[in-house]
Amino acid sequence: AMIDAIASEYMVDNNRIYVCGYSLGGEFTYELACSLNHRIAAAGAVARTMQGETFNNCAPQHPTGVLTILGTSDAISDYNGITFEGIQYYMSAAETHEYWATANNCVANPTMTTVANTNTSDGSSVERYTWTDASGCTYVEHLKVINGGHDWPGAFGNYDISSNIEIWKFFSRYDINGTLSVSDNKEQVNYSLSPNPVQ
């Protein structure tokens, strides 16, 4: 209803609806990516893995880009998941990524690259993991913040990456049908100045 209301007032590309969130908002992000999958092109979760109930009831209908930014030392959202008295309340980071990689028909083993440690005083570093499909399109990406806490990197915690920039760079590659072509992904803007020259 919110998407429809906003789209009725503003010029919204309904093929490029994205969701992102932090902590419990990240949990809600997975829920939307699953239960509202017919409307969501890509999702980004910071400082949260998938809830067990969402994991067990998710059924994506189309290729869905998923980006996660998770700290390995997060005391609130455990990187290894949370199981209590035999009930798995939160999946581990590995299970979360394996789920979305499988759902997007990606290869099982991700490619890892090290992100430049540009801020050595924050006590953390970042590794980038990417899962691609057979054609080489990246559908799942994980920024693993080594020694990172319950943070929004770029604003607090780790300063080697900016969560805002990473999320938009990832999202802008997708529409509801999957990855966009290079030509589709460029924003073409023409400007006209009058009179020319102007002050």
N, C-alpha and C. Protein backbone atom coordinates (compact mmCIF):
# COMPACT_ATOMS: atom_id res chain seq x y z
N ALA A 1 0.83 -1.19 0.00
CA ALA A 1 0.00 0.00 0.00
C ALA A 1 0.87 1.26 0.00
N MET A 2 1.98 1.21 0.76
CA MET A 2 2.89 2.36 0.78
C MET A 2 3.51 2.60 -0.58
N ILE A 3 3.94 1.51 -1.24
CA ILE A 3 4.53 1.66 -2.58
C ILE A 3 3.52 2.27 -3.54
N ASP A 4 2.30 1.77 -3.51
CA ASP A 4 1.26 2.28 -4.41
C ASP A 4 0.94 3.74 -4.11
N ALA A 5 0.89 4.10 -2.84
CA ALA A 5 0.57 5.48 -2.46
C ALA A 5 1.67 6.43 -2.93
N ILE A 6 2.91 6.04 -2.72
CA ILE A 6 4.03 6.88 -3.15
C ILE A 6 4.07 6.99 -4.67
N ALA A 7 3.84 5.85 -5.36
CA ALA A 7 3.87 5.84 -6.82
C ALA A 7 2.75 6.68 -7.42
N SER A 8 1.66 6.86 -6.68
CA SER A 8 0.55 7.67 -7.20
C SER A 8 0.88 9.16 -7.13
N GLU A 9 1.84 9.55 -6.30
CA GLU A 9 2.22 10.95 -6.13
C GLU A 9 3.51 11.32 -6.84
N TYR A 10 4.39 10.36 -7.04
CA TYR A 10 5.71 10.64 -7.60
C TYR A 10 6.00 9.69 -8.75
N MET A 11 6.98 10.09 -9.57
CA MET A 11 7.38 9.25 -10.70
C MET A 11 8.26 8.12 -10.18
N VAL A 12 7.67 6.96 -9.97
CA VAL A 12 8.36 5.80 -9.43
C VAL A 12 8.45 4.72 -10.50
N ASP A 13 9.65 4.17 -10.67
CA ASP A 13 9.83 3.02 -11.55
C ASP A 13 9.49 1.77 -10.74
N ASN A 14 8.31 1.22 -10.96
CA ASN A 14 7.86 0.07 -10.17
C ASN A 14 8.67 -1.18 -10.43
N ASN A 15 9.52 -1.16 -11.46
CA ASN A 15 10.42 -2.29 -11.69
C ASN A 15 11.71 -2.19 -10.90
N ARG A 16 11.88 -1.05 -10.20
CA ARG A 16 13.12 -0.83 -9.45
C ARG A 16 12.82 -0.35 -8.02
N ILE A 17 12.10 -1.20 -7.29
CA ILE A 17 11.79 -0.93 -5.89
C ILE A 17 12.81 -1.68 -5.03
N TYR A 18 13.46 -0.97 -4.13
CA TYR A 18 14.51 -1.55 -3.30
C TYR A 18 14.17 -1.37 -1.83
N VAL A 19 14.66 -2.28 -0.99
CA VAL A 19 14.48 -2.16 0.45
C VAL A 19 15.82 -2.36 1.14
N CYS A 20 16.04 -1.58 2.20
CA CYS A 20 17.24 -1.80 3.01
C CYS A 20 16.91 -1.44 4.45
N GLY A 21 17.70 -1.98 5.37
CA GLY A 21 17.47 -1.69 6.77
C GLY A 21 18.64 -2.10 7.63
N TYR A 22 18.63 -1.57 8.84
CA TYR A 22 19.69 -1.80 9.82
C TYR A 22 19.11 -2.49 11.05
N SER A 23 19.79 -3.51 11.56
CA SER A 23 19.39 -4.23 12.77
C SER A 23 18.00 -4.82 12.58
N LEU A 24 17.01 -4.45 13.39
CA LEU A 24 15.66 -4.99 13.18
C LEU A 24 15.10 -4.58 11.82
N GLY A 25 15.54 -3.40 11.34
CA GLY A 25 15.16 -2.99 9.99
C GLY A 25 15.74 -3.93 8.95
N GLY A 26 16.94 -4.46 9.20
CA GLY A 26 17.52 -5.47 8.32
C GLY A 26 16.70 -6.74 8.32
N GLU A 27 16.21 -7.11 9.50
CA GLU A 27 15.34 -8.28 9.62
C GLU A 27 14.07 -8.08 8.79
N PHE A 28 13.50 -6.88 8.86
CA PHE A 28 12.31 -6.55 8.09
C PHE A 28 12.61 -6.56 6.59
N THR A 29 13.83 -6.17 6.24
CA THR A 29 14.24 -6.18 4.84
C THR A 29 14.14 -7.58 4.24
N TYR A 30 14.65 -8.59 4.97
CA TYR A 30 14.53 -9.97 4.48
C TYR A 30 13.06 -10.37 4.35
N GLU A 31 12.25 -9.96 5.33
CA GLU A 31 10.83 -10.30 5.29
C GLU A 31 10.17 -9.72 4.04
N LEU A 32 10.48 -8.46 3.72
CA LEU A 32 9.91 -7.85 2.52
C LEU A 32 10.43 -8.52 1.25
N ALA A 33 11.73 -8.84 1.23
CA ALA A 33 12.32 -9.50 0.05
C ALA A 33 11.67 -10.85 -0.21
N CYS A 34 11.13 -11.46 0.85
CA CYS A 34 10.47 -12.76 0.70
C CYS A 34 8.97 -12.61 0.46
N SER A 35 8.27 -11.95 1.37
CA SER A 35 6.80 -11.92 1.30
C SER A 35 6.27 -10.94 0.26
N LEU A 36 7.08 -9.95 -0.12
CA LEU A 36 6.67 -8.97 -1.13
C LEU A 36 7.59 -9.06 -2.35
N ASN A 37 8.06 -10.26 -2.61
CA ASN A 37 9.08 -10.46 -3.63
C ASN A 37 8.63 -10.02 -5.02
N HIS A 38 7.34 -10.10 -5.30
CA HIS A 38 6.84 -9.69 -6.63
C HIS A 38 6.96 -8.19 -6.86
N ARG A 39 7.28 -7.42 -5.80
CA ARG A 39 7.45 -5.98 -5.94
C ARG A 39 8.89 -5.50 -5.73
N ILE A 40 9.73 -6.35 -5.12
CA ILE A 40 11.06 -5.95 -4.69
C ILE A 40 12.13 -6.44 -5.65
N ALA A 41 12.97 -5.51 -6.13
CA ALA A 41 14.03 -5.86 -7.08
C ALA A 41 15.31 -6.29 -6.37
N ALA A 42 15.63 -5.64 -5.25
CA ALA A 42 16.86 -5.97 -4.52
C ALA A 42 16.71 -5.53 -3.07
N ALA A 43 17.51 -6.17 -2.20
CA ALA A 43 17.42 -5.91 -0.76
C ALA A 43 18.81 -5.80 -0.15
N GLY A 44 18.93 -4.95 0.86
CA GLY A 44 20.20 -4.80 1.57
C GLY A 44 19.98 -4.82 3.06
N ALA A 45 20.70 -5.67 3.78
CA ALA A 45 20.57 -5.76 5.23
C ALA A 45 21.91 -5.47 5.89
N VAL A 46 21.88 -4.56 6.85
CA VAL A 46 23.08 -4.20 7.61
C VAL A 46 22.87 -4.65 9.05
N ALA A 47 23.87 -5.36 9.59
CA ALA A 47 23.87 -5.79 11.00
C ALA A 47 22.69 -6.70 11.34
N ARG A 48 22.34 -7.62 10.43
CA ARG A 48 21.30 -8.60 10.74
C ARG A 48 21.33 -9.73 9.72
N THR A 49 21.20 -10.96 10.24
CA THR A 49 21.02 -12.13 9.37
C THR A 49 19.52 -12.44 9.31
N MET A 50 19.15 -13.46 8.52
CA MET A 50 17.74 -13.79 8.36
C MET A 50 17.16 -14.44 9.61
N GLN A 51 15.94 -14.07 9.93
CA GLN A 51 15.22 -14.73 11.01
C GLN A 51 14.83 -16.13 10.54
N GLY A 52 14.82 -17.10 11.46
CA GLY A 52 14.51 -18.48 11.11
C GLY A 52 13.16 -18.64 10.44
N GLU A 53 12.13 -17.97 10.96
CA GLU A 53 10.79 -18.09 10.38
C GLU A 53 10.74 -17.55 8.96
N THR A 54 11.40 -16.43 8.73
CA THR A 54 11.46 -15.87 7.37
C THR A 54 12.19 -16.83 6.44
N PHE A 55 13.31 -17.35 6.91
CA PHE A 55 14.11 -18.30 6.15
C PHE A 55 13.27 -19.51 5.73
N ASN A 56 12.47 -20.03 6.65
CA ASN A 56 11.69 -21.26 6.39
C ASN A 56 10.47 -21.02 5.52
N ASN A 57 10.06 -19.76 5.35
CA ASN A 57 8.85 -19.48 4.58
C ASN A 57 9.10 -18.60 3.35
N CYS A 58 10.35 -18.46 2.96
CA CYS A 58 10.68 -17.59 1.84
C CYS A 58 10.58 -18.35 0.52
N ALA A 59 10.02 -17.71 -0.48
CA ALA A 59 9.88 -18.34 -1.81
C ALA A 59 10.00 -17.26 -2.88
N PRO A 60 11.22 -16.80 -3.19
CA PRO A 60 11.38 -15.75 -4.21
C PRO A 60 10.84 -16.18 -5.56
N GLN A 61 10.23 -15.22 -6.26
CA GLN A 61 9.61 -15.49 -7.55
C GLN A 61 10.48 -15.07 -8.73
N HIS A 62 11.57 -14.36 -8.47
CA HIS A 62 12.43 -13.87 -9.54
C HIS A 62 13.83 -13.65 -8.98
N PRO A 63 14.83 -13.51 -9.85
CA PRO A 63 16.18 -13.21 -9.34
C PRO A 63 16.16 -11.93 -8.50
N THR A 64 16.67 -12.03 -7.29
CA THR A 64 16.60 -10.92 -6.35
C THR A 64 17.99 -10.63 -5.80
N GLY A 65 18.51 -9.45 -6.11
CA GLY A 65 19.81 -9.08 -5.58
C GLY A 65 19.75 -8.89 -4.07
N VAL A 66 20.73 -9.46 -3.36
CA VAL A 66 20.78 -9.32 -1.91
C VAL A 66 22.20 -8.94 -1.49
N LEU A 67 22.31 -7.84 -0.77
CA LEU A 67 23.58 -7.37 -0.22
C LEU A 67 23.49 -7.39 1.30
N THR A 68 24.54 -7.93 1.95
CA THR A 68 24.59 -7.87 3.41
C THR A 68 25.89 -7.21 3.84
N ILE A 69 25.82 -6.49 4.94
CA ILE A 69 27.00 -5.88 5.58
C ILE A 69 26.93 -6.29 7.04
N LEU A 70 27.80 -7.23 7.44
CA LEU A 70 27.71 -7.84 8.76
C LEU A 70 29.05 -7.82 9.47
N GLY A 71 29.03 -7.52 10.75
CA GLY A 71 30.24 -7.53 11.57
C GLY A 71 30.42 -8.88 12.24
N THR A 72 31.65 -9.38 12.25
CA THR A 72 31.91 -10.70 12.85
C THR A 72 31.88 -10.66 14.37
N SER A 73 31.97 -9.48 14.96
CA SER A 73 31.95 -9.35 16.43
C SER A 73 30.69 -8.61 16.90
N ASP A 74 29.62 -8.76 16.15
CA ASP A 74 28.35 -8.10 16.50
C ASP A 74 27.72 -8.83 17.68
N ALA A 75 27.64 -8.17 18.82
CA ALA A 75 27.09 -8.79 20.04
C ALA A 75 25.57 -8.81 20.06
N ILE A 76 24.93 -8.08 19.17
CA ILE A 76 23.47 -8.02 19.13
C ILE A 76 22.91 -8.96 18.06
N SER A 77 23.51 -8.95 16.89
CA SER A 77 23.12 -9.85 15.81
C SER A 77 24.31 -10.77 15.52
N ASP A 78 24.30 -11.94 16.13
CA ASP A 78 25.43 -12.86 16.07
C ASP A 78 25.69 -13.31 14.64
N TYR A 79 26.93 -13.17 14.21
CA TYR A 79 27.33 -13.56 12.86
C TYR A 79 27.06 -15.05 12.60
N ASN A 80 27.12 -15.83 13.66
CA ASN A 80 26.92 -17.29 13.54
C ASN A 80 25.49 -17.72 13.81
N GLY A 81 24.57 -16.76 13.91
CA GLY A 81 23.18 -17.08 14.15
C GLY A 81 22.89 -17.29 15.63
N ILE A 82 21.60 -17.48 15.94
CA ILE A 82 21.18 -17.68 17.33
C ILE A 82 20.22 -18.87 17.40
N THR A 83 20.62 -19.87 18.17
CA THR A 83 19.77 -21.03 18.45
C THR A 83 19.61 -21.13 19.96
N PHE A 84 18.36 -21.29 20.41
CA PHE A 84 18.10 -21.40 21.85
C PHE A 84 17.08 -22.51 22.09
N GLU A 85 17.46 -23.45 22.94
CA GLU A 85 16.61 -24.60 23.27
C GLU A 85 16.09 -25.30 22.03
N GLY A 86 17.00 -25.49 21.08
CA GLY A 86 16.68 -26.24 19.87
C GLY A 86 15.96 -25.46 18.79
N ILE A 87 15.64 -24.20 19.05
CA ILE A 87 14.95 -23.37 18.05
C ILE A 87 15.95 -22.39 17.45
N GLN A 88 16.04 -22.38 16.13
CA GLN A 88 16.96 -21.45 15.47
C GLN A 88 16.20 -20.17 15.17
N TYR A 89 16.51 -19.14 15.96
CA TYR A 89 15.82 -17.86 15.82
C TYR A 89 16.41 -17.03 14.69
N TYR A 90 17.73 -17.09 14.55
CA TYR A 90 18.40 -16.37 13.46
C TYR A 90 19.38 -17.30 12.77
N MET A 91 19.41 -17.22 11.44
CA MET A 91 20.33 -18.02 10.67
C MET A 91 21.73 -17.41 10.77
N SER A 92 22.73 -18.21 10.50
CA SER A 92 24.08 -17.67 10.44
C SER A 92 24.25 -16.87 9.16
N ALA A 93 25.32 -16.10 9.10
CA ALA A 93 25.63 -15.38 7.86
C ALA A 93 25.81 -16.37 6.72
N ALA A 94 26.50 -17.47 6.97
CA ALA A 94 26.75 -18.48 5.92
C ALA A 94 25.44 -19.06 5.40
N GLU A 95 24.50 -19.37 6.31
CA GLU A 95 23.21 -19.93 5.88
C GLU A 95 22.38 -18.90 5.12
N THR A 96 22.44 -17.66 5.56
CA THR A 96 21.72 -16.59 4.87
C THR A 96 22.21 -16.44 3.44
N HIS A 97 23.52 -16.41 3.27
CA HIS A 97 24.10 -16.24 1.93
C HIS A 97 23.88 -17.46 1.06
N GLU A 98 24.00 -18.64 1.66
CA GLU A 98 23.77 -19.86 0.88
C GLU A 98 22.33 -19.91 0.38
N TYR A 99 21.38 -19.47 1.22
CA TYR A 99 19.98 -19.47 0.80
C TYR A 99 19.78 -18.60 -0.44
N TRP A 100 20.25 -17.35 -0.37
CA TRP A 100 20.03 -16.43 -1.48
C TRP A 100 20.85 -16.80 -2.71
N ALA A 101 22.03 -17.35 -2.51
CA ALA A 101 22.84 -17.81 -3.66
C ALA A 101 22.11 -18.94 -4.38
N THR A 102 21.54 -19.87 -3.62
CA THR A 102 20.79 -20.98 -4.22
C THR A 102 19.53 -20.48 -4.91
N ALA A 103 18.81 -19.57 -4.25
CA ALA A 103 17.57 -19.03 -4.83
C ALA A 103 17.83 -18.29 -6.14
N ASN A 104 19.02 -17.71 -6.27
CA ASN A 104 19.38 -16.95 -7.47
C ASN A 104 20.20 -17.76 -8.48
N ASN A 105 20.27 -19.07 -8.26
CA ASN A 105 21.03 -19.96 -9.15
C ASN A 105 22.48 -19.53 -9.31
N CYS A 106 23.09 -19.12 -8.20
CA CYS A 106 24.49 -18.72 -8.22
C CYS A 106 25.39 -19.93 -7.95
N VAL A 107 26.64 -19.77 -8.28
CA VAL A 107 27.61 -20.81 -7.95
C VAL A 107 27.72 -20.92 -6.44
N ALA A 108 28.09 -22.10 -5.95
CA ALA A 108 28.11 -22.34 -4.51
C ALA A 108 29.22 -21.58 -3.80
N ASN A 109 30.36 -21.45 -4.46
CA ASN A 109 31.52 -20.83 -3.82
C ASN A 109 31.69 -19.39 -4.27
N PRO A 110 31.73 -18.46 -3.32
CA PRO A 110 31.88 -17.05 -3.68
C PRO A 110 33.32 -16.69 -4.00
N THR A 111 33.48 -15.56 -4.66
CA THR A 111 34.80 -14.97 -4.88
C THR A 111 35.05 -13.97 -3.76
N MET A 112 36.25 -13.98 -3.20
CA MET A 112 36.58 -13.06 -2.11
C MET A 112 37.66 -12.09 -2.55
N THR A 113 37.44 -10.81 -2.27
CA THR A 113 38.46 -9.80 -2.47
C THR A 113 38.58 -8.98 -1.19
N THR A 114 39.78 -8.53 -0.91
CA THR A 114 40.01 -7.72 0.28
C THR A 114 39.81 -6.25 -0.04
N VAL A 115 39.03 -5.57 0.76
CA VAL A 115 38.81 -4.14 0.60
C VAL A 115 39.99 -3.41 1.26
N ALA A 116 40.46 -2.36 0.62
CA ALA A 116 41.59 -1.61 1.16
C ALA A 116 41.28 -1.11 2.57
N ASN A 117 42.21 -1.36 3.48
CA ASN A 117 42.06 -0.94 4.87
C ASN A 117 42.51 0.51 5.00
N THR A 118 41.65 1.42 4.56
CA THR A 118 42.02 2.84 4.47
C THR A 118 42.00 3.53 5.83
N ASN A 119 41.29 2.93 6.80
CA ASN A 119 41.25 3.52 8.14
C ASN A 119 41.74 2.47 9.13
N THR A 120 43.01 2.54 9.47
CA THR A 120 43.61 1.53 10.35
C THR A 120 43.29 1.76 11.82
N SER A 121 42.66 2.88 12.16
CA SER A 121 42.36 3.18 13.55
C SER A 121 41.00 2.67 14.02
N ASP A 122 40.19 2.12 13.09
CA ASP A 122 38.85 1.68 13.51
C ASP A 122 38.82 0.24 14.03
N GLY A 123 39.97 -0.45 13.99
CA GLY A 123 40.06 -1.79 14.57
C GLY A 123 39.37 -2.87 13.77
N SER A 124 39.05 -2.59 12.51
CA SER A 124 38.37 -3.58 11.69
C SER A 124 38.84 -3.49 10.25
N SER A 125 38.54 -4.53 9.49
CA SER A 125 38.85 -4.56 8.06
C SER A 125 37.68 -5.24 7.35
N VAL A 126 37.69 -5.20 6.03
CA VAL A 126 36.53 -5.70 5.27
C VAL A 126 36.97 -6.65 4.16
N GLU A 127 36.22 -7.74 4.02
CA GLU A 127 36.36 -8.66 2.89
C GLU A 127 35.05 -8.64 2.11
N ARG A 128 35.15 -8.65 0.78
CA ARG A 128 33.97 -8.64 -0.09
C ARG A 128 33.80 -10.03 -0.71
N TYR A 129 32.63 -10.63 -0.52
CA TYR A 129 32.31 -11.94 -1.10
C TYR A 129 31.21 -11.75 -2.12
N THR A 130 31.38 -12.33 -3.29
CA THR A 130 30.38 -12.21 -4.35
C THR A 130 30.01 -13.59 -4.89
N TRP A 131 28.72 -13.80 -5.04
CA TRP A 131 28.20 -15.03 -5.65
C TRP A 131 27.60 -14.65 -7.01
N THR A 132 28.03 -15.32 -8.04
CA THR A 132 27.55 -15.01 -9.39
C THR A 132 26.80 -16.20 -9.98
N ASP A 133 25.98 -15.91 -11.00
CA ASP A 133 25.32 -17.01 -11.71
C ASP A 133 26.21 -17.45 -12.87
N ALA A 134 25.71 -18.36 -13.68
CA ALA A 134 26.52 -18.93 -14.76
C ALA A 134 26.96 -17.88 -15.77
N SER A 135 26.20 -16.81 -15.93
CA SER A 135 26.56 -15.77 -16.89
C SER A 135 27.48 -14.71 -16.29
N GLY A 136 27.81 -14.87 -15.00
CA GLY A 136 28.72 -13.93 -14.36
C GLY A 136 28.04 -12.77 -13.65
N CYS A 137 26.70 -12.77 -13.60
CA CYS A 137 25.98 -11.69 -12.92
C CYS A 137 26.01 -11.92 -11.41
N THR A 138 26.38 -10.90 -10.67
CA THR A 138 26.43 -11.00 -9.21
C THR A 138 25.05 -10.74 -8.63
N TYR A 139 24.52 -11.73 -7.92
CA TYR A 139 23.21 -11.57 -7.30
C TYR A 139 23.28 -11.50 -5.79
N VAL A 140 24.37 -11.98 -5.22
CA VAL A 140 24.53 -11.94 -3.77
C VAL A 140 25.91 -11.38 -3.46
N GLU A 141 25.95 -10.41 -2.54
CA GLU A 141 27.23 -9.83 -2.15
C GLU A 141 27.23 -9.63 -0.64
N HIS A 142 28.36 -9.94 -0.04
CA HIS A 142 28.50 -9.81 1.41
C HIS A 142 29.76 -9.02 1.73
N LEU A 143 29.61 -7.97 2.49
CA LEU A 143 30.74 -7.22 3.01
C LEU A 143 30.93 -7.66 4.45
N LYS A 144 31.95 -8.48 4.66
CA LYS A 144 32.25 -9.07 5.97
C LYS A 144 33.19 -8.14 6.70
N VAL A 145 32.69 -7.53 7.78
CA VAL A 145 33.49 -6.58 8.55
C VAL A 145 34.18 -7.35 9.67
N ILE A 146 35.44 -7.66 9.46
CA ILE A 146 36.22 -8.42 10.45
C ILE A 146 36.38 -7.57 11.71
N ASN A 147 35.96 -8.13 12.85
CA ASN A 147 35.97 -7.43 14.15
C ASN A 147 34.96 -6.28 14.20
N GLY A 148 34.06 -6.23 13.25
CA GLY A 148 33.03 -5.19 13.25
C GLY A 148 31.91 -5.52 14.21
N GLY A 149 31.31 -4.51 14.81
CA GLY A 149 30.21 -4.68 15.75
C GLY A 149 28.87 -4.43 15.10
N HIS A 150 27.92 -3.97 15.92
CA HIS A 150 26.56 -3.70 15.46
C HIS A 150 26.54 -2.29 14.86
N ASP A 151 27.16 -2.17 13.70
CA ASP A 151 27.50 -0.86 13.15
C ASP A 151 26.85 -0.61 11.79
N TRP A 152 26.86 0.66 11.42
CA TRP A 152 26.53 1.08 10.05
C TRP A 152 27.84 1.64 9.49
N PRO A 153 28.67 0.77 8.86
CA PRO A 153 29.98 1.23 8.38
C PRO A 153 29.87 2.48 7.52
N GLY A 154 30.81 3.38 7.76
CA GLY A 154 30.81 4.67 7.08
C GLY A 154 30.26 5.77 7.97
N ALA A 155 29.31 5.41 8.86
CA ALA A 155 28.76 6.37 9.82
C ALA A 155 29.34 6.12 11.21
N PHE A 156 29.45 4.86 11.59
CA PHE A 156 30.10 4.49 12.85
C PHE A 156 30.57 3.04 12.74
N GLY A 157 31.65 2.75 13.49
CA GLY A 157 32.25 1.43 13.43
C GLY A 157 33.38 1.41 12.42
N ASN A 158 33.17 0.71 11.34
CA ASN A 158 34.18 0.63 10.28
C ASN A 158 34.09 1.83 9.34
N TYR A 159 35.27 2.33 8.91
CA TYR A 159 35.30 3.48 8.00
C TYR A 159 36.03 3.16 6.69
N ASP A 160 36.24 1.86 6.42
CA ASP A 160 36.85 1.48 5.15
C ASP A 160 35.84 1.51 4.02
N ILE A 161 34.57 1.37 4.36
CA ILE A 161 33.49 1.41 3.37
C ILE A 161 32.41 2.36 3.85
N SER A 162 31.57 2.78 2.92
CA SER A 162 30.37 3.54 3.25
C SER A 162 29.17 2.67 2.90
N SER A 163 28.40 2.31 3.91
CA SER A 163 27.23 1.47 3.66
C SER A 163 26.29 2.12 2.66
N ASN A 164 26.08 3.42 2.78
CA ASN A 164 25.19 4.14 1.86
C ASN A 164 25.63 3.94 0.41
N ILE A 165 26.92 4.15 0.16
CA ILE A 165 27.44 4.05 -1.21
C ILE A 165 27.39 2.61 -1.69
N GLU A 166 27.80 1.67 -0.83
CA GLU A 166 27.81 0.25 -1.23
C GLU A 166 26.41 -0.23 -1.57
N ILE A 167 25.43 0.16 -0.76
CA ILE A 167 24.05 -0.28 -1.01
C ILE A 167 23.54 0.27 -2.34
N TRP A 168 23.77 1.57 -2.59
CA TRP A 168 23.26 2.12 -3.85
C TRP A 168 23.99 1.55 -5.06
N LYS A 169 25.31 1.38 -4.95
CA LYS A 169 26.05 0.77 -6.07
C LYS A 169 25.49 -0.60 -6.40
N PHE A 170 25.14 -1.36 -5.38
CA PHE A 170 24.58 -2.70 -5.59
C PHE A 170 23.17 -2.62 -6.15
N PHE A 171 22.31 -1.84 -5.51
CA PHE A 171 20.91 -1.75 -5.93
C PHE A 171 20.77 -1.29 -7.37
N SER A 172 21.57 -0.32 -7.78
CA SER A 172 21.38 0.31 -9.08
C SER A 172 21.64 -0.64 -10.25
N ARG A 173 22.11 -1.84 -9.97
CA ARG A 173 22.34 -2.83 -11.03
C ARG A 173 21.12 -3.69 -11.32
N TYR A 174 20.04 -3.53 -10.54
CA TYR A 174 18.92 -4.48 -10.63
C TYR A 174 17.59 -3.82 -10.94
N ASP A 175 16.78 -4.57 -11.68
CA ASP A 175 15.36 -4.28 -11.75
C ASP A 175 14.63 -5.57 -11.38
N ILE A 176 13.32 -5.58 -11.47
CA ILE A 176 12.53 -6.72 -11.01
C ILE A 176 12.83 -7.99 -11.81
N ASN A 177 13.41 -7.85 -13.00
CA ASN A 177 13.73 -9.01 -13.83
C ASN A 177 15.15 -9.51 -13.64
N GLY A 178 15.91 -8.86 -12.81
CA GLY A 178 17.30 -9.27 -12.58
C GLY A 178 18.25 -8.12 -12.85
N THR A 179 19.45 -8.46 -13.33
CA THR A 179 20.44 -7.42 -13.55
C THR A 179 20.14 -6.65 -14.82
N LEU A 180 20.45 -5.36 -14.77
CA LEU A 180 20.26 -4.49 -15.93
C LEU A 180 21.46 -4.58 -16.84
N SER A 181 21.26 -4.30 -18.12
CA SER A 181 22.39 -4.21 -19.02
C SER A 181 23.14 -2.92 -18.73
N VAL A 182 24.36 -2.83 -19.22
CA VAL A 182 25.17 -1.63 -18.97
C VAL A 182 24.47 -0.40 -19.51
N SER A 183 23.86 -0.51 -20.70
CA SER A 183 23.20 0.66 -21.30
C SER A 183 21.97 1.06 -20.49
N ASP A 184 21.24 0.06 -19.94
CA ASP A 184 20.06 0.37 -19.13
C ASP A 184 20.45 1.02 -17.81
N ASN A 185 21.64 0.69 -17.34
CA ASN A 185 22.05 1.11 -16.01
C ASN A 185 22.63 2.52 -15.97
N LYS A 186 22.81 3.13 -17.13
CA LYS A 186 23.32 4.50 -17.17
C LYS A 186 22.16 5.47 -17.13
N GLU A 187 22.28 6.46 -16.29
CA GLU A 187 21.27 7.50 -16.27
C GLU A 187 21.65 8.55 -17.29
N GLN A 188 20.78 8.76 -18.26
CA GLN A 188 21.03 9.75 -19.30
C GLN A 188 20.32 11.04 -18.92
N VAL A 189 21.08 12.06 -18.66
CA VAL A 189 20.51 13.35 -18.29
C VAL A 189 21.05 14.41 -19.23
N ASN A 190 20.16 15.15 -19.86
CA ASN A 190 20.56 16.24 -20.75
C ASN A 190 20.21 17.57 -20.10
N TYR A 191 21.18 18.49 -20.14
CA TYR A 191 20.97 19.80 -19.55
C TYR A 191 21.00 20.85 -20.65
N SER A 192 20.17 21.85 -20.49
CA SER A 192 20.17 22.98 -21.40
C SER A 192 20.29 24.26 -20.57
N LEU A 193 21.30 25.09 -20.87
CA LEU A 193 21.49 26.33 -20.15
C LEU A 193 21.15 27.50 -21.06
N SER A 194 20.38 28.42 -20.53
CA SER A 194 20.00 29.57 -21.35
C SER A 194 19.89 30.78 -20.45
N PRO A 195 20.44 31.93 -20.77
CA PRO A 195 21.30 32.14 -21.95
C PRO A 195 22.68 31.50 -21.73
N ASN A 196 23.40 31.39 -22.78
CA ASN A 196 24.71 30.77 -22.73
C ASN A 196 25.75 31.79 -23.23
N PRO A 197 26.74 32.23 -22.50
CA PRO A 197 27.06 31.75 -21.14
C PRO A 197 26.13 32.33 -20.09
N VAL A 198 26.17 31.68 -18.92
CA VAL A 198 25.34 32.12 -17.80
C VAL A 198 26.21 32.44 -16.60
N GLN A 199 25.67 33.16 -15.64
CA GLN A 199 26.37 33.40 -14.38
C GLN A 199 25.70 32.57 -13.30
